[in-house]
Amino acid sequence: MQRLIDEGVRKAQYRLWQRAGAARQSLVVCRGGKIMEMVPDVDQWVEDSFSGDPLARRKQR
């Protein structure tokens, strides 16, 4: 049963990652007690020049 739950969680995370990439958004997650901003790798993003500041990215959109 736990295996099925873990598989469902992984699928949901993958779908969220795909959605964020398609919408050109970043994800904020907590890993190991640290808050991290993750940016999905999407070919369309290569042409954009974003700074490391998440607020600056939002202002440029």
N, C-alpha and C. Protein backbone atom coordinates (compact mmCIF):
# COMPACT_ATOMS: atom_id res chain seq x y z
N MET A 1 0.82 -1.19 0.00
CA MET A 1 0.00 0.00 0.00
C MET A 1 0.87 1.27 0.00
N GLN A 2 1.93 1.26 0.80
CA GLN A 2 2.82 2.43 0.86
C GLN A 2 3.47 2.69 -0.49
N ARG A 3 3.79 1.63 -1.21
CA ARG A 3 4.40 1.79 -2.54
C ARG A 3 3.46 2.54 -3.47
N LEU A 4 2.17 2.21 -3.43
CA LEU A 4 1.20 2.89 -4.29
C LEU A 4 1.05 4.36 -3.90
N ILE A 5 1.09 4.65 -2.62
CA ILE A 5 1.02 6.04 -2.16
C ILE A 5 2.23 6.82 -2.64
N ASP A 6 3.42 6.24 -2.49
CA ASP A 6 4.65 6.90 -2.93
C ASP A 6 4.63 7.14 -4.44
N GLU A 7 4.14 6.16 -5.19
CA GLU A 7 4.06 6.30 -6.64
C GLU A 7 3.09 7.44 -7.02
N GLY A 8 1.97 7.54 -6.32
CA GLY A 8 1.02 8.62 -6.57
C GLY A 8 1.60 9.98 -6.26
N VAL A 9 2.37 10.07 -5.19
CA VAL A 9 3.02 11.33 -4.83
C VAL A 9 4.03 11.72 -5.89
N ARG A 10 4.82 10.76 -6.36
CA ARG A 10 5.81 11.05 -7.41
C ARG A 10 5.14 11.53 -8.69
N LYS A 11 4.02 10.90 -9.06
CA LYS A 11 3.30 11.33 -10.26
C LYS A 11 2.76 12.74 -10.11
N ALA A 12 2.23 13.04 -8.92
CA ALA A 12 1.70 14.39 -8.68
C ALA A 12 2.82 15.43 -8.73
N GLN A 13 3.98 15.11 -8.17
CA GLN A 13 5.11 16.03 -8.22
C GLN A 13 5.57 16.25 -9.66
N TYR A 14 5.59 15.18 -10.45
CA TYR A 14 5.99 15.29 -11.85
C TYR A 14 5.02 16.19 -12.62
N ARG A 15 3.71 16.00 -12.41
CA ARG A 15 2.72 16.83 -13.09
C ARG A 15 2.86 18.29 -12.68
N LEU A 16 3.11 18.54 -11.41
CA LEU A 16 3.30 19.91 -10.94
C LEU A 16 4.53 20.53 -11.58
N TRP A 17 5.60 19.76 -11.69
CA TRP A 17 6.84 20.21 -12.32
C TRP A 17 6.59 20.57 -13.79
N GLN A 18 5.83 19.70 -14.49
CA GLN A 18 5.52 19.96 -15.89
C GLN A 18 4.65 21.21 -16.05
N ARG A 19 3.67 21.37 -15.19
CA ARG A 19 2.80 22.54 -15.23
C ARG A 19 3.57 23.82 -14.98
N ALA A 20 4.47 23.79 -14.01
CA ALA A 20 5.28 24.97 -13.70
C ALA A 20 6.17 25.33 -14.88
N GLY A 21 6.73 24.32 -15.53
CA GLY A 21 7.57 24.58 -16.70
C GLY A 21 6.79 25.18 -17.85
N ALA A 22 5.58 24.65 -18.08
CA ALA A 22 4.75 25.15 -19.17
C ALA A 22 4.27 26.57 -18.89
N ALA A 23 4.03 26.89 -17.62
CA ALA A 23 3.54 28.21 -17.25
C ALA A 23 4.69 29.19 -16.98
N ARG A 24 5.92 28.72 -17.15
CA ARG A 24 7.12 29.55 -16.93
C ARG A 24 7.14 30.10 -15.52
N GLN A 25 6.91 29.23 -14.55
CA GLN A 25 6.92 29.61 -13.15
C GLN A 25 7.95 28.77 -12.41
N SER A 26 8.34 29.25 -11.24
CA SER A 26 9.25 28.48 -10.41
C SER A 26 8.45 27.86 -9.27
N LEU A 27 9.03 26.87 -8.62
CA LEU A 27 8.41 26.20 -7.49
C LEU A 27 9.23 26.50 -6.24
N VAL A 28 8.56 26.73 -5.14
CA VAL A 28 9.23 26.94 -3.86
C VAL A 28 8.94 25.70 -3.01
N VAL A 29 10.00 25.00 -2.60
CA VAL A 29 9.85 23.76 -1.86
C VAL A 29 10.73 23.79 -0.61
N CYS A 30 10.41 22.90 0.30
CA CYS A 30 11.22 22.75 1.52
C CYS A 30 11.90 21.38 1.44
N ARG A 31 13.20 21.38 1.41
CA ARG A 31 13.97 20.13 1.36
C ARG A 31 15.04 20.18 2.43
N GLY A 32 15.03 19.19 3.28
CA GLY A 32 16.04 19.11 4.33
C GLY A 32 15.97 20.29 5.29
N GLY A 33 14.77 20.84 5.49
CA GLY A 33 14.62 21.97 6.39
C GLY A 33 14.99 23.31 5.79
N LYS A 34 15.33 23.34 4.50
CA LYS A 34 15.70 24.59 3.84
C LYS A 34 14.67 24.91 2.76
N ILE A 35 14.33 26.18 2.64
CA ILE A 35 13.42 26.66 1.61
C ILE A 35 14.23 26.92 0.34
N MET A 36 13.78 26.32 -0.77
CA MET A 36 14.50 26.46 -2.03
C MET A 36 13.53 26.85 -3.14
N GLU A 37 14.01 27.67 -4.06
CA GLU A 37 13.24 27.97 -5.26
C GLU A 37 13.82 27.12 -6.39
N MET A 38 12.95 26.36 -7.04
CA MET A 38 13.39 25.49 -8.12
C MET A 38 12.77 25.98 -9.42
N VAL A 39 13.58 26.04 -10.46
CA VAL A 39 13.11 26.49 -11.77
C VAL A 39 13.20 25.30 -12.72
N PRO A 40 12.06 24.85 -13.26
CA PRO A 40 12.10 23.74 -14.22
C PRO A 40 12.90 24.13 -15.46
N ASP A 41 13.68 23.20 -16.00
CA ASP A 41 14.46 23.45 -17.21
C ASP A 41 13.55 23.33 -18.42
N VAL A 42 13.34 24.44 -19.08
CA VAL A 42 12.51 24.48 -20.28
C VAL A 42 13.28 25.24 -21.34
N ASP A 43 13.29 24.73 -22.57
CA ASP A 43 14.05 25.35 -23.65
C ASP A 43 13.64 26.80 -23.88
N GLN A 44 12.36 27.12 -23.68
CA GLN A 44 11.89 28.48 -23.91
C GLN A 44 12.53 29.47 -22.95
N TRP A 45 12.95 28.99 -21.79
CA TRP A 45 13.49 29.90 -20.77
C TRP A 45 14.89 30.36 -21.13
N VAL A 46 15.57 29.67 -22.03
CA VAL A 46 16.97 29.99 -22.35
C VAL A 46 17.08 31.41 -22.89
N GLU A 47 16.09 31.85 -23.65
CA GLU A 47 16.18 33.17 -24.24
C GLU A 47 15.95 34.28 -23.22
N ASP A 48 15.33 33.96 -22.09
CA ASP A 48 15.10 34.97 -21.06
C ASP A 48 16.35 35.13 -20.20
N SER A 49 16.61 36.36 -19.78
CA SER A 49 17.74 36.59 -18.88
C SER A 49 17.19 37.06 -17.54
N PHE A 50 17.03 36.15 -16.60
CA PHE A 50 16.50 36.47 -15.29
C PHE A 50 17.65 36.60 -14.31
N SER A 51 17.50 37.49 -13.37
CA SER A 51 18.47 37.57 -12.28
C SER A 51 18.15 36.50 -11.27
N GLY A 52 18.96 36.34 -10.24
CA GLY A 52 18.74 35.31 -9.24
C GLY A 52 17.64 35.66 -8.25
N ASP A 53 17.12 36.88 -8.30
CA ASP A 53 16.10 37.32 -7.37
C ASP A 53 14.72 36.95 -7.88
N PRO A 54 13.94 36.14 -7.13
CA PRO A 54 12.61 35.74 -7.61
C PRO A 54 11.68 36.92 -7.82
N LEU A 55 11.79 37.96 -7.02
CA LEU A 55 10.93 39.12 -7.20
C LEU A 55 11.26 39.86 -8.49
N ALA A 56 12.53 39.88 -8.84
CA ALA A 56 12.94 40.53 -10.09
C ALA A 56 12.37 39.76 -11.27
N ARG A 57 12.31 38.44 -11.18
CA ARG A 57 11.73 37.64 -12.26
C ARG A 57 10.27 37.96 -12.45
N ARG A 58 9.54 38.11 -11.37
CA ARG A 58 8.11 38.40 -11.47
C ARG A 58 7.88 39.77 -12.09
N LYS A 59 8.73 40.72 -11.79
CA LYS A 59 8.58 42.07 -12.34
C LYS A 59 8.84 42.08 -13.84
N GLN A 60 9.71 41.17 -14.33
CA GLN A 60 10.06 41.14 -15.74
C GLN A 60 8.98 40.47 -16.58
N ARG A 61 8.09 39.69 -15.97
CA ARG A 61 7.06 38.98 -16.75
C ARG A 61 5.97 39.89 -17.20
